[in-house]
Amino acid sequence: DPAITDRREQLGEEGATVYVLNGSGVKGQAGRIADYLEYLGLSASAPGLKPDVSGLPATTIRVYNGAEATMPVTIATFEALFGVTAELVRNAAVTADIVIITGSGTPSLTPPPAP
C-alpha cells in the first residue's frame, strides 16, 4: 500500500524517540504497542520504566522539550491511533521525544505477521 509506505517514510524522517510505558497493568501491553510503532517506522521501545500515573482509562501522550515543532506527523499519528490529544511537557531529564502511557482503554495494537 503506497499510503502506508509514505507514512512510514514520513515517520522515519521525523526520527522520534518513543518510550511506551505500561500504565494499565496489562502484561506485555507496552511491548506490543512499541512493536506496532516500530512496524509503522518509528523508533519505539518499552523500557520497563514505571509511569508516574497508572490506572487511567485513556492513553496519555506526552511530547517533551519542543519535539512538537519537528515531529508533527508523528504526533498526529499518535493522536489518531489513541484518540487523545498530546500533552506538551518541558523536562530536561527526559531523554525520549515522546512518552506514551497506556491506560485501560488503550487499543490493542500489534504488528501484522511478517510475510
PDB file of N, CA and C in Angstrom:
ATOM      1  N   ASP A   1       0.843  -1.185   0.000  1.00  0.00           N
ATOM      2  CA  ASP A   1       0.000   0.000   0.000  1.00  0.00           C
ATOM      3  C   ASP A   1       0.889   1.250   0.000  1.00  0.00           C
ATOM      4  N   PRO A   2       0.811   2.066  -1.048  1.00  0.00           N
ATOM      5  CA  PRO A   2       1.671   3.254  -1.136  1.00  0.00           C
ATOM      6  C   PRO A   2       1.445   4.257  -0.002  1.00  0.00           C
ATOM      7  N   ALA A   3       0.214   4.369   0.495  1.00  0.00           N
ATOM      8  CA  ALA A   3      -0.060   5.315   1.584  1.00  0.00           C
ATOM      9  C   ALA A   3       0.684   4.901   2.857  1.00  0.00           C
ATOM     10  N   ILE A   4       0.703   3.608   3.137  1.00  0.00           N
ATOM     11  CA  ILE A   4       1.413   3.116   4.322  1.00  0.00           C
ATOM     12  C   ILE A   4       2.918   3.338   4.166  1.00  0.00           C
ATOM     13  N   THR A   5       3.425   3.079   2.969  1.00  0.00           N
ATOM     14  CA  THR A   5       4.851   3.293   2.706  1.00  0.00           C
ATOM     15  C   THR A   5       5.218   4.762   2.884  1.00  0.00           C
ATOM     16  N   ASP A   6       4.386   5.662   2.361  1.00  0.00           N
ATOM     17  CA  ASP A   6       4.637   7.101   2.508  1.00  0.00           C
ATOM     18  C   ASP A   6       4.640   7.507   3.976  1.00  0.00           C
ATOM     19  N   ARG A   7       3.664   7.002   4.742  1.00  0.00           N
ATOM     20  CA  ARG A   7       3.572   7.349   6.165  1.00  0.00           C
ATOM     21  C   ARG A   7       4.800   6.843   6.918  1.00  0.00           C
ATOM     22  N   ARG A   8       5.239   5.634   6.615  1.00  0.00           N
ATOM     23  CA  ARG A   8       6.434   5.090   7.266  1.00  0.00           C
ATOM     24  C   ARG A   8       7.648   5.970   6.992  1.00  0.00           C
ATOM     25  N   GLU A   9       7.770   6.411   5.741  1.00  0.00           N
ATOM     26  CA  GLU A   9       8.902   7.274   5.382  1.00  0.00           C
ATOM     27  C   GLU A   9       8.841   8.596   6.137  1.00  0.00           C
ATOM     28  N   GLN A  10       7.654   9.197   6.219  1.00  0.00           N
ATOM     29  CA  GLN A  10       7.496  10.464   6.946  1.00  0.00           C
ATOM     30  C   GLN A  10       7.848  10.288   8.424  1.00  0.00           C
ATOM     31  N   LEU A  11       7.346   9.218   9.028  1.00  0.00           N
ATOM     32  CA  LEU A  11       7.625   8.976  10.442  1.00  0.00           C
ATOM     33  C   LEU A  11       9.108   8.722  10.662  1.00  0.00           C
ATOM     34  N   GLY A  12       9.711   7.954   9.778  1.00  0.00           N
ATOM     35  CA  GLY A  12      11.140   7.679   9.886  1.00  0.00           C
ATOM     36  C   GLY A  12      11.982   8.933   9.747  1.00  0.00           C
ATOM     37  N   GLU A  13      11.590   9.819   8.840  1.00  0.00           N
ATOM     38  CA  GLU A  13      12.326  11.074   8.641  1.00  0.00           C
ATOM     39  C   GLU A  13      12.245  11.970   9.867  1.00  0.00           C
ATOM     40  N   GLU A  14      11.098  11.978  10.556  1.00  0.00           N
ATOM     41  CA  GLU A  14      10.983  12.805  11.763  1.00  0.00           C
ATOM     42  C   GLU A  14      11.883  12.281  12.879  1.00  0.00           C
ATOM     43  N   GLY A  15      12.121  10.973  12.912  1.00  0.00           N
ATOM     44  CA  GLY A  15      13.113  10.403  13.819  1.00  0.00           C
ATOM     45  C   GLY A  15      12.797  10.475  15.299  1.00  0.00           C
ATOM     46  N   ALA A  16      11.548  10.415  15.664  1.00  0.00           N
ATOM     47  CA  ALA A  16      11.177  10.497  17.082  1.00  0.00           C
ATOM     48  C   ALA A  16      11.691   9.294  17.863  1.00  0.00           C
ATOM     49  N   THR A  17      12.163   9.557  19.077  1.00  0.00           N
ATOM     50  CA  THR A  17      12.469   8.502  20.036  1.00  0.00           C
ATOM     51  C   THR A  17      11.264   8.390  20.948  1.00  0.00           C
ATOM     52  N   VAL A  18      10.649   7.193  20.977  1.00  0.00           N
ATOM     53  CA  VAL A  18       9.383   6.995  21.682  1.00  0.00           C
ATOM     54  C   VAL A  18       9.531   5.908  22.733  1.00  0.00           C
ATOM     55  N   TYR A  19       9.106   6.214  23.960  1.00  0.00           N
ATOM     56  CA  TYR A  19       9.015   5.210  25.020  1.00  0.00           C
ATOM     57  C   TYR A  19       7.546   4.906  25.240  1.00  0.00           C
ATOM     58  N   VAL A  20       7.234   3.631  25.410  1.00  0.00           N
ATOM     59  CA  VAL A  20       5.879   3.209  25.752  1.00  0.00           C
ATOM     60  C   VAL A  20       5.934   2.609  27.150  1.00  0.00           C
ATOM     61  N   LEU A  21       5.174   3.198  28.067  1.00  0.00           N
ATOM     62  CA  LEU A  21       5.153   2.736  29.452  1.00  0.00           C
ATOM     63  C   LEU A  21       3.800   2.121  29.767  1.00  0.00           C
ATOM     64  N   ASN A  22       3.807   1.065  30.551  1.00  0.00           N
ATOM     65  CA  ASN A  22       2.585   0.349  30.883  1.00  0.00           C
ATOM     66  C   ASN A  22       1.916   0.976  32.103  1.00  0.00           C
ATOM     67  N   GLY A  23       0.842   1.721  31.862  1.00  0.00           N
ATOM     68  CA  GLY A  23       0.071   2.317  32.943  1.00  0.00           C
ATOM     69  C   GLY A  23      -1.199   1.554  33.236  1.00  0.00           C
ATOM     70  N   SER A  24      -1.467   0.502  32.447  1.00  0.00           N
ATOM     71  CA  SER A  24      -2.716  -0.248  32.599  1.00  0.00           C
ATOM     72  C   SER A  24      -2.552  -1.478  33.476  1.00  0.00           C
ATOM     73  N   GLY A  25      -1.326  -1.986  33.563  1.00  0.00           N
ATOM     74  CA  GLY A  25      -1.097  -3.227  34.283  1.00  0.00           C
ATOM     75  C   GLY A  25      -1.331  -4.465  33.434  1.00  0.00           C
ATOM     76  N   VAL A  26      -1.725  -4.290  32.158  1.00  0.00           N
ATOM     77  CA  VAL A  26      -1.934  -5.427  31.256  1.00  0.00           C
ATOM     78  C   VAL A  26      -0.562  -5.944  30.818  1.00  0.00           C
ATOM     79  N   LYS A  27      -0.261  -7.178  31.185  1.00  0.00           N
ATOM     80  CA  LYS A  27       1.062  -7.757  30.919  1.00  0.00           C
ATOM     81  C   LYS A  27       1.387  -7.720  29.421  1.00  0.00           C
ATOM     82  N   GLY A  28       2.558  -7.177  29.091  1.00  0.00           N
ATOM     83  CA  GLY A  28       3.048  -7.154  27.718  1.00  0.00           C
ATOM     84  C   GLY A  28       2.466  -6.062  26.833  1.00  0.00           C
ATOM     85  N   GLN A  29       1.541  -5.260  27.358  1.00  0.00           N
ATOM     86  CA  GLN A  29       0.870  -4.253  26.527  1.00  0.00           C
ATOM     87  C   GLN A  29       1.851  -3.232  25.956  1.00  0.00           C
ATOM     88  N   ALA A  30       2.727  -2.698  26.782  1.00  0.00           N
ATOM     89  CA  ALA A  30       3.666  -1.677  26.303  1.00  0.00           C
ATOM     90  C   ALA A  30       4.574  -2.243  25.212  1.00  0.00           C
ATOM     91  N   GLY A  31       5.046  -3.464  25.386  1.00  0.00           N
ATOM     92  CA  GLY A  31       5.907  -4.091  24.386  1.00  0.00           C
ATOM     93  C   GLY A  31       5.200  -4.303  23.064  1.00  0.00           C
ATOM     94  N   ARG A  32       3.944  -4.745  23.118  1.00  0.00           N
ATOM     95  CA  ARG A  32       3.188  -4.954  21.873  1.00  0.00           C
ATOM     96  C   ARG A  32       2.969  -3.630  21.136  1.00  0.00           C
ATOM     97  N   ILE A  33       2.665  -2.594  21.880  1.00  0.00           N
ATOM     98  CA  ILE A  33       2.446  -1.289  21.240  1.00  0.00           C
ATOM     99  C   ILE A  33       3.761  -0.758  20.667  1.00  0.00           C
ATOM    100  N   ALA A  34       4.859  -0.919  21.398  1.00  0.00           N
ATOM    101  CA  ALA A  34       6.165  -0.498  20.870  1.00  0.00           C
ATOM    102  C   ALA A  34       6.486  -1.254  19.580  1.00  0.00           C
ATOM    103  N   ASP A  35       6.183  -2.554  19.547  1.00  0.00           N
ATOM    104  CA  ASP A  35       6.406  -3.339  18.321  1.00  0.00           C
ATOM    105  C   ASP A  35       5.566  -2.799  17.169  1.00  0.00           C
ATOM    106  N   TYR A  36       4.319  -2.439  17.453  1.00  0.00           N
ATOM    107  CA  TYR A  36       3.444  -1.887  16.417  1.00  0.00           C
ATOM    108  C   TYR A  36       4.002  -0.554  15.893  1.00  0.00           C
ATOM    109  N   LEU A  37       4.475   0.281  16.803  1.00  0.00           N
ATOM    110  CA  LEU A  37       5.030   1.575  16.391  1.00  0.00           C
ATOM    111  C   LEU A  37       6.302   1.381  15.562  1.00  0.00           C
ATOM    112  N   GLU A  38       7.099   0.380  15.901  1.00  0.00           N
ATOM    113  CA  GLU A  38       8.276   0.044  15.087  1.00  0.00           C
ATOM    114  C   GLU A  38       7.834  -0.368  13.676  1.00  0.00           C
ATOM    115  N   TYR A  39       6.774  -1.153  13.601  1.00  0.00           N
ATOM    116  CA  TYR A  39       6.213  -1.564  12.304  1.00  0.00           C
ATOM    117  C   TYR A  39       5.824  -0.339  11.474  1.00  0.00           C
ATOM    118  N   LEU A  40       5.328   0.720  12.150  1.00  0.00           N
ATOM    119  CA  LEU A  40       4.951   1.948  11.440  1.00  0.00           C
ATOM    120  C   LEU A  40       6.151   2.778  10.994  1.00  0.00           C
ATOM    121  N   GLY A  41       7.356   2.394  11.434  1.00  0.00           N
ATOM    122  CA  GLY A  41       8.559   3.108  11.016  1.00  0.00           C
ATOM    123  C   GLY A  41       9.158   3.999  12.082  1.00  0.00           C
ATOM    124  N   LEU A  42       8.701   3.851  13.326  1.00  0.00           N
ATOM    125  CA  LEU A  42       9.202   4.671  14.425  1.00  0.00           C
ATOM    126  C   LEU A  42      10.267   3.938  15.222  1.00  0.00           C
ATOM    127  N   SER A  43      11.055   4.697  15.957  1.00  0.00           N
ATOM    128  CA  SER A  43      12.000   4.126  16.906  1.00  0.00           C
ATOM    129  C   SER A  43      11.301   4.107  18.263  1.00  0.00           C
ATOM    130  N   ALA A  44      10.751   2.951  18.630  1.00  0.00           N
ATOM    131  CA  ALA A  44       9.966   2.855  19.863  1.00  0.00           C
ATOM    132  C   ALA A  44      10.471   1.709  20.718  1.00  0.00           C
ATOM    133  N   SER A  45      10.396   1.899  22.033  1.00  0.00           N
ATOM    134  CA  SER A  45      10.781   0.835  22.948  1.00  0.00           C
ATOM    135  C   SER A  45       9.899   0.891  24.187  1.00  0.00           C
ATOM    136  N   ALA A  46       9.863  -0.228  24.887  1.00  0.00           N
ATOM    137  CA  ALA A  46       9.148  -0.328  26.158  1.00  0.00           C
ATOM    138  C   ALA A  46      10.214  -0.593  27.219  1.00  0.00           C
ATOM    139  N   PRO A  47      10.813   0.478  27.767  1.00  0.00           N
ATOM    140  CA  PRO A  47      11.988   0.305  28.623  1.00  0.00           C
ATOM    141  C   PRO A  47      11.709  -0.267  30.008  1.00  0.00           C
ATOM    142  N   GLY A  48      10.462  -0.550  30.338  1.00  0.00           N
ATOM    143  CA  GLY A  48      10.152  -1.128  31.642  1.00  0.00           C
ATOM    144  C   GLY A  48      10.143  -0.119  32.775  1.00  0.00           C
ATOM    145  N   LEU A  49      10.159   1.159  32.440  1.00  0.00           N
ATOM    146  CA  LEU A  49      10.091   2.196  33.469  1.00  0.00           C
ATOM    147  C   LEU A  49       8.669   2.285  34.016  1.00  0.00           C
ATOM    148  N   LYS A  50       8.545   2.625  35.285  1.00  0.00           N
ATOM    149  CA  LYS A  50       7.231   2.768  35.896  1.00  0.00           C
ATOM    150  C   LYS A  50       6.725   4.186  35.628  1.00  0.00           C
ATOM    151  N   PRO A  51       5.527   4.310  35.042  1.00  0.00           N
ATOM    152  CA  PRO A  51       4.996   5.651  34.786  1.00  0.00           C
ATOM    153  C   PRO A  51       4.586   6.342  36.081  1.00  0.00           C
ATOM    154  N   ASP A  52       4.534   7.672  36.038  1.00  0.00           N
ATOM    155  CA  ASP A  52       4.125   8.422  37.231  1.00  0.00           C
ATOM    156  C   ASP A  52       2.620   8.437  37.419  1.00  0.00           C
ATOM    157  N   VAL A  53       1.883   7.944  36.442  1.00  0.00           N
ATOM    158  CA  VAL A  53       0.430   7.783  36.555  1.00  0.00           C
ATOM    159  C   VAL A  53       0.095   6.371  36.104  1.00  0.00           C
ATOM    160  N   SER A  54      -0.954   5.800  36.681  1.00  0.00           N
ATOM    161  CA  SER A  54      -1.400   4.482  36.238  1.00  0.00           C
ATOM    162  C   SER A  54      -2.871   4.336  36.579  1.00  0.00           C
ATOM    163  N   GLY A  55      -3.492   3.361  35.950  1.00  0.00           N
ATOM    164  CA  GLY A  55      -4.895   3.103  36.208  1.00  0.00           C
ATOM    165  C   GLY A  55      -5.849   4.065  35.523  1.00  0.00           C
ATOM    166  N   LEU A  56      -5.330   4.877  34.615  1.00  0.00           N
ATOM    167  CA  LEU A  56      -6.193   5.805  33.897  1.00  0.00           C
ATOM    168  C   LEU A  56      -6.883   5.064  32.756  1.00  0.00           C
ATOM    169  N   PRO A  57      -8.099   5.478  32.393  1.00  0.00           N
ATOM    170  CA  PRO A  57      -8.776   4.801  31.294  1.00  0.00           C
ATOM    171  C   PRO A  57      -8.163   5.127  29.930  1.00  0.00           C
ATOM    172  N   ALA A  58      -7.755   6.354  29.723  1.00  0.00           N
ATOM    173  CA  ALA A  58      -7.257   6.779  28.415  1.00  0.00           C
ATOM    174  C   ALA A  58      -5.738   6.680  28.347  1.00  0.00           C
ATOM    175  N   THR A  59      -5.253   6.557  27.145  1.00  0.00           N
ATOM    176  CA  THR A  59      -3.829   6.621  26.878  1.00  0.00           C
ATOM    177  C   THR A  59      -3.356   8.049  27.110  1.00  0.00           C
ATOM    178  N   THR A  60      -2.151   8.204  27.641  1.00  0.00           N
ATOM    179  CA  THR A  60      -1.542   9.522  27.816  1.00  0.00           C
ATOM    180  C   THR A  60      -0.377   9.636  26.845  1.00  0.00           C
ATOM    181  N   ILE A  61      -0.342  10.736  26.091  1.00  0.00           N
ATOM    182  CA  ILE A  61       0.776  11.004  25.181  1.00  0.00           C
ATOM    183  C   ILE A  61       1.438  12.294  25.651  1.00  0.00           C
ATOM    184  N   ARG A  62       2.723  12.211  25.969  1.00  0.00           N
ATOM    185  CA  ARG A  62       3.476  13.398  26.391  1.00  0.00           C
ATOM    186  C   ARG A  62       4.577  13.671  25.373  1.00  0.00           C
ATOM    187  N   VAL A  63       4.589  14.895  24.894  1.00  0.00           N
ATOM    188  CA  VAL A  63       5.592  15.334  23.934  1.00  0.00           C
ATOM    189  C   VAL A  63       6.544  16.270  24.683  1.00  0.00           C
ATOM    190  N   TYR A  64       7.821  15.918  24.701  1.00  0.00           N
ATOM    191  CA  TYR A  64       8.783  16.615  25.553  1.00  0.00           C
ATOM    192  C   TYR A  64       9.663  17.616  24.816  1.00  0.00           C
ATOM    193  N   ASN A  65       9.925  18.698  25.510  1.00  0.00           N
ATOM    194  CA  ASN A  65      11.002  19.643  25.205  1.00  0.00           C
ATOM    195  C   ASN A  65      10.998  20.188  23.782  1.00  0.00           C
ATOM    196  N   GLY A  66       9.812  20.526  23.282  1.00  0.00           N
ATOM    197  CA  GLY A  66       9.697  21.176  21.982  1.00  0.00           C
ATOM    198  C   GLY A  66       9.668  20.234  20.790  1.00  0.00           C
ATOM    199  N   ALA A  67       9.571  18.931  21.016  1.00  0.00           N
ATOM    200  CA  ALA A  67       9.560  17.968  19.909  1.00  0.00           C
ATOM    201  C   ALA A  67       8.382  18.194  18.962  1.00  0.00           C
ATOM    202  N   GLU A  68       7.333  18.847  19.446  1.00  0.00           N
ATOM    203  CA  GLU A  68       6.171  19.092  18.583  1.00  0.00           C
ATOM    204  C   GLU A  68       6.532  19.937  17.363  1.00  0.00           C
ATOM    205  N   ALA A  69       7.591  20.728  17.456  1.00  0.00           N
ATOM    206  CA  ALA A  69       7.981  21.600  16.350  1.00  0.00           C
ATOM    207  C   ALA A  69       8.558  20.813  15.175  1.00  0.00           C
ATOM    208  N   THR A  70       9.148  19.653  15.449  1.00  0.00           N
ATOM    209  CA  THR A  70       9.809  18.892  14.387  1.00  0.00           C
ATOM    210  C   THR A  70       9.174  17.526  14.121  1.00  0.00           C
ATOM    211  N   MET A  71       8.109  17.196  14.853  1.00  0.00           N
ATOM    212  CA  MET A  71       7.508  15.872  14.717  1.00  0.00           C
ATOM    213  C   MET A  71       5.982  15.911  14.582  1.00  0.00           C
ATOM    214  N   PRO A  72       5.455  16.779  13.719  1.00  0.00           N
ATOM    215  CA  PRO A  72       4.001  16.911  13.624  1.00  0.00           C
ATOM    216  C   PRO A  72       3.292  15.663  13.090  1.00  0.00           C
ATOM    217  N   VAL A  73       3.921  14.950  12.155  1.00  0.00           N
ATOM    218  CA  VAL A  73       3.281  13.752  11.597  1.00  0.00           C
ATOM    219  C   VAL A  73       3.223  12.657  12.664  1.00  0.00           C
ATOM    220  N   THR A  74       4.286  12.510  13.427  1.00  0.00           N
ATOM    221  CA  THR A  74       4.320  11.511  14.497  1.00  0.00           C
ATOM    222  C   THR A  74       3.234  11.796  15.525  1.00  0.00           C
ATOM    223  N   ILE A  75       3.132  13.035  15.956  1.00  0.00           N
ATOM    224  CA  ILE A  75       2.138  13.397  16.974  1.00  0.00           C
ATOM    225  C   ILE A  75       0.723  13.197  16.431  1.00  0.00           C
ATOM    226  N   ALA A  76       0.477  13.620  15.205  1.00  0.00           N
ATOM    227  CA  ALA A  76      -0.853  13.437  14.610  1.00  0.00           C
ATOM    228  C   ALA A  76      -1.195  11.949  14.491  1.00  0.00           C
ATOM    229  N   THR A  77      -0.203  11.129  14.154  1.00  0.00           N
ATOM    230  CA  THR A  77      -0.422   9.686  14.061  1.00  0.00           C
ATOM    231  C   THR A  77      -0.825   9.122  15.413  1.00  0.00           C
ATOM    232  N   PHE A  78      -0.119   9.505  16.472  1.00  0.00           N
ATOM    233  CA  PHE A  78      -0.442   9.012  17.817  1.00  0.00           C
ATOM    234  C   PHE A  78      -1.815   9.492  18.275  1.00  0.00           C
ATOM    235  N   GLU A  79      -2.119  10.759  18.029  1.00  0.00           N
ATOM    236  CA  GLU A  79      -3.426  11.280  18.444  1.00  0.00           C
ATOM    237  C   GLU A  79      -4.559  10.531  17.744  1.00  0.00           C
ATOM    238  N   ALA A  80      -4.359  10.191  16.469  1.00  0.00           N
ATOM    239  CA  ALA A  80      -5.377   9.439  15.735  1.00  0.00           C
ATOM    240  C   ALA A  80      -5.457   7.986  16.217  1.00  0.00           C
ATOM    241  N   LEU A  81      -4.309   7.353  16.449  1.00  0.00           N
ATOM    242  CA  LEU A  81      -4.281   5.960  16.903  1.00  0.00           C
ATOM    243  C   LEU A  81      -4.954   5.779  18.261  1.00  0.00           C
ATOM    244  N   PHE A  82      -4.674   6.706  19.178  1.00  0.00           N
ATOM    245  CA  PHE A  82      -5.111   6.535  20.564  1.00  0.00           C
ATOM    246  C   PHE A  82      -6.326   7.388  20.933  1.00  0.00           C
ATOM    247  N   GLY A  83      -6.752   8.283  20.038  1.00  0.00           N
ATOM    248  CA  GLY A  83      -7.950   9.070  20.268  1.00  0.00           C
ATOM    249  C   GLY A  83      -7.843  10.078  21.400  1.00  0.00           C
ATOM    250  N   VAL A  84      -6.640  10.596  21.609  1.00  0.00           N
ATOM    251  CA  VAL A  84      -6.419  11.595  22.663  1.00  0.00           C
ATOM    252  C   VAL A  84      -5.540  12.719  22.116  1.00  0.00           C
ATOM    253  N   THR A  85      -5.493  13.820  22.837  1.00  0.00           N
ATOM    254  CA  THR A  85      -4.639  14.947  22.480  1.00  0.00           C
ATOM    255  C   THR A  85      -3.345  14.871  23.284  1.00  0.00           C
ATOM    256  N   ALA A  86      -2.235  15.079  22.620  1.00  0.00           N
ATOM    257  CA  ALA A  86      -0.930  15.031  23.282  1.00  0.00           C
ATOM    258  C   ALA A  86      -0.763  16.209  24.232  1.00  0.00           C
ATOM    259  N   GLU A  87      -0.043  15.952  25.330  1.00  0.00           N
ATOM    260  CA  GLU A  87       0.315  16.991  26.298  1.00  0.00           C
ATOM    261  C   GLU A  87       1.740  17.449  25.986  1.00  0.00           C
ATOM    262  N   LEU A  88       1.973  18.747  26.015  1.00  0.00           N
ATOM    263  CA  LEU A  88       3.315  19.284  25.797  1.00  0.00           C
ATOM    264  C   LEU A  88       3.967  19.509  27.155  1.00  0.00           C
ATOM    265  N   VAL A  89       5.179  18.958  27.339  1.00  0.00           N
ATOM    266  CA  VAL A  89       5.841  18.988  28.643  1.00  0.00           C
ATOM    267  C   VAL A  89       7.297  19.417  28.463  1.00  0.00           C
ATOM    268  N   ARG A  90       7.774  20.207  29.406  1.00  0.00           N
ATOM    269  CA  ARG A  90       9.203  20.569  29.462  1.00  0.00           C
ATOM    270  C   ARG A  90       9.814  19.829  30.650  1.00  0.00           C
ATOM    271  N   ASN A  91      10.838  19.029  30.377  1.00  0.00           N
ATOM    272  CA  ASN A  91      11.540  18.319  31.443  1.00  0.00           C
ATOM    273  C   ASN A  91      12.870  17.862  30.860  1.00  0.00           C
ATOM    274  N   ALA A  92      13.929  18.571  31.179  1.00  0.00           N
ATOM    275  CA  ALA A  92      15.244  18.290  30.603  1.00  0.00           C
ATOM    276  C   ALA A  92      15.771  16.910  30.975  1.00  0.00           C
ATOM    277  N   ALA A  93      15.235  16.293  32.021  1.00  0.00           N
ATOM    278  CA  ALA A  93      15.700  14.978  32.448  1.00  0.00           C
ATOM    279  C   ALA A  93      15.165  13.847  31.558  1.00  0.00           C
ATOM    280  N   VAL A  94      14.146  14.121  30.766  1.00  0.00           N
ATOM    281  CA  VAL A  94      13.547  13.092  29.915  1.00  0.00           C
ATOM    282  C   VAL A  94      14.313  13.032  28.594  1.00  0.00           C
ATOM    283  N   THR A  95      14.769  11.828  28.236  1.00  0.00           N
ATOM    284  CA  THR A  95      15.579  11.684  27.023  1.00  0.00           C
ATOM    285  C   THR A  95      14.756  11.314  25.797  1.00  0.00           C
ATOM    286  N   ALA A  96      13.540  10.816  25.985  1.00  0.00           N
ATOM    287  CA  ALA A  96      12.681  10.490  24.848  1.00  0.00           C
ATOM    288  C   ALA A  96      12.008  11.752  24.330  1.00  0.00           C
ATOM    289  N   ASP A  97      11.668  11.749  23.040  1.00  0.00           N
ATOM    290  CA  ASP A  97      10.900  12.863  22.479  1.00  0.00           C
ATOM    291  C   ASP A  97       9.436  12.757  22.884  1.00  0.00           C
ATOM    292  N   ILE A  98       8.941  11.517  22.900  1.00  0.00           N
ATOM    293  CA  ILE A  98       7.528  11.274  23.189  1.00  0.00           C
ATOM    294  C   ILE A  98       7.427  10.061  24.101  1.00  0.00           C
ATOM    295  N   VAL A  99       6.570  10.181  25.131  1.00  0.00           N
ATOM    296  CA  VAL A  99       6.295   9.060  26.023  1.00  0.00           C
ATOM    297  C   VAL A  99       4.799   8.771  25.948  1.00  0.00           C
ATOM    298  N   ILE A 100       4.480   7.502  25.704  1.00  0.00           N
ATOM    299  CA  ILE A 100       3.092   7.052  25.679  1.00  0.00           C
ATOM    300  C   ILE A 100       2.880   6.193  26.913  1.00  0.00           C
ATOM    301  N   ILE A 101       1.852   6.527  27.698  1.00  0.00           N
ATOM    302  CA  ILE A 101       1.500   5.745  28.883  1.00  0.00           C
ATOM    303  C   ILE A 101       0.154   5.084  28.596  1.00  0.00           C
ATOM    304  N   THR A 102       0.145   3.754  28.623  1.00  0.00           N
ATOM    305  CA  THR A 102      -1.085   3.034  28.312  1.00  0.00           C
ATOM    306  C   THR A 102      -2.093   3.161  29.452  1.00  0.00           C
ATOM    307  N   GLY A 103      -3.355   3.005  29.087  1.00  0.00           N
ATOM    308  CA  GLY A 103      -4.442   3.008  30.055  1.00  0.00           C
ATOM    309  C   GLY A 103      -5.344   1.821  29.787  1.00  0.00           C
ATOM    310  N   SER A 104      -6.373   1.670  30.597  1.00  0.00           N
ATOM    311  CA  SER A 104      -7.264   0.518  30.430  1.00  0.00           C
ATOM    312  C   SER A 104      -8.005   0.555  29.094  1.00  0.00           C
ATOM    313  N   GLY A 105      -8.170   1.741  28.516  1.00  0.00           N
ATOM    314  CA  GLY A 105      -8.858   1.867  27.234  1.00  0.00           C
ATOM    315  C   GLY A 105      -7.941   1.941  26.032  1.00  0.00           C
ATOM    316  N   THR A 106      -6.637   1.743  26.245  1.00  0.00           N
ATOM    317  CA  THR A 106      -5.689   1.771  25.129  1.00  0.00           C
ATOM    318  C   THR A 106      -6.017   0.643  24.158  1.00  0.00           C
ATOM    319  N   PRO A 107      -6.107   0.956  22.860  1.00  0.00           N
ATOM    320  CA  PRO A 107      -6.424  -0.103  21.897  1.00  0.00           C
ATOM    321  C   PRO A 107      -5.335  -1.167  21.852  1.00  0.00           C
ATOM    322  N   SER A 108      -5.731  -2.364  21.503  1.00  0.00           N
ATOM    323  CA  SER A 108      -4.799  -3.473  21.361  1.00  0.00           C
ATOM    324  C   SER A 108      -4.168  -3.380  19.972  1.00  0.00           C
ATOM    325  N   LEU A 109      -2.921  -2.985  19.919  1.00  0.00           N
ATOM    326  CA  LEU A 109      -2.209  -2.813  18.646  1.00  0.00           C
ATOM    327  C   LEU A 109      -1.064  -3.807  18.576  1.00  0.00           C
ATOM    328  N   THR A 110      -1.036  -4.572  17.522  1.00  0.00           N
ATOM    329  CA  THR A 110       0.078  -5.497  17.289  1.00  0.00           C
ATOM    330  C   THR A 110       0.420  -5.445  15.806  1.00  0.00           C
ATOM    331  N   PRO A 111       1.695  -5.576  15.482  1.00  0.00           N
ATOM    332  CA  PRO A 111       2.066  -5.556  14.075  1.00  0.00           C
ATOM    333  C   PRO A 111       1.543  -6.805  13.379  1.00  0.00           C
ATOM    334  N   PRO A 112       1.292  -6.709  12.076  1.00  0.00           N
ATOM    335  CA  PRO A 112       0.876  -7.910  11.345  1.00  0.00           C
ATOM    336  C   PRO A 112       2.030  -8.913  11.292  1.00  0.00           C
ATOM    337  N   PRO A 113       1.706 -10.181  11.091  1.00  0.00           N
ATOM    338  CA  PRO A 113       2.785 -11.179  10.990  1.00  0.00           C
ATOM    339  C   PRO A 113       3.686 -10.873   9.799  1.00  0.00           C
ATOM    340  N   ALA A 114       4.954 -11.174   9.957  1.00  0.00           N
ATOM    341  CA  ALA A 114       5.913 -10.979   8.864  1.00  0.00           C
ATOM    342  C   ALA A 114       5.567 -11.910   7.715  1.00  0.00           C
ATOM    343  N   PRO A 115       5.742 -11.425   6.474  1.00  0.00           N
ATOM    344  CA  PRO A 115       5.414 -12.277   5.312  1.00  0.00           C
ATOM    345  C   PRO A 115       6.342 -13.462   5.189  1.00  0.00           C
TER     346      PRO A 115
END
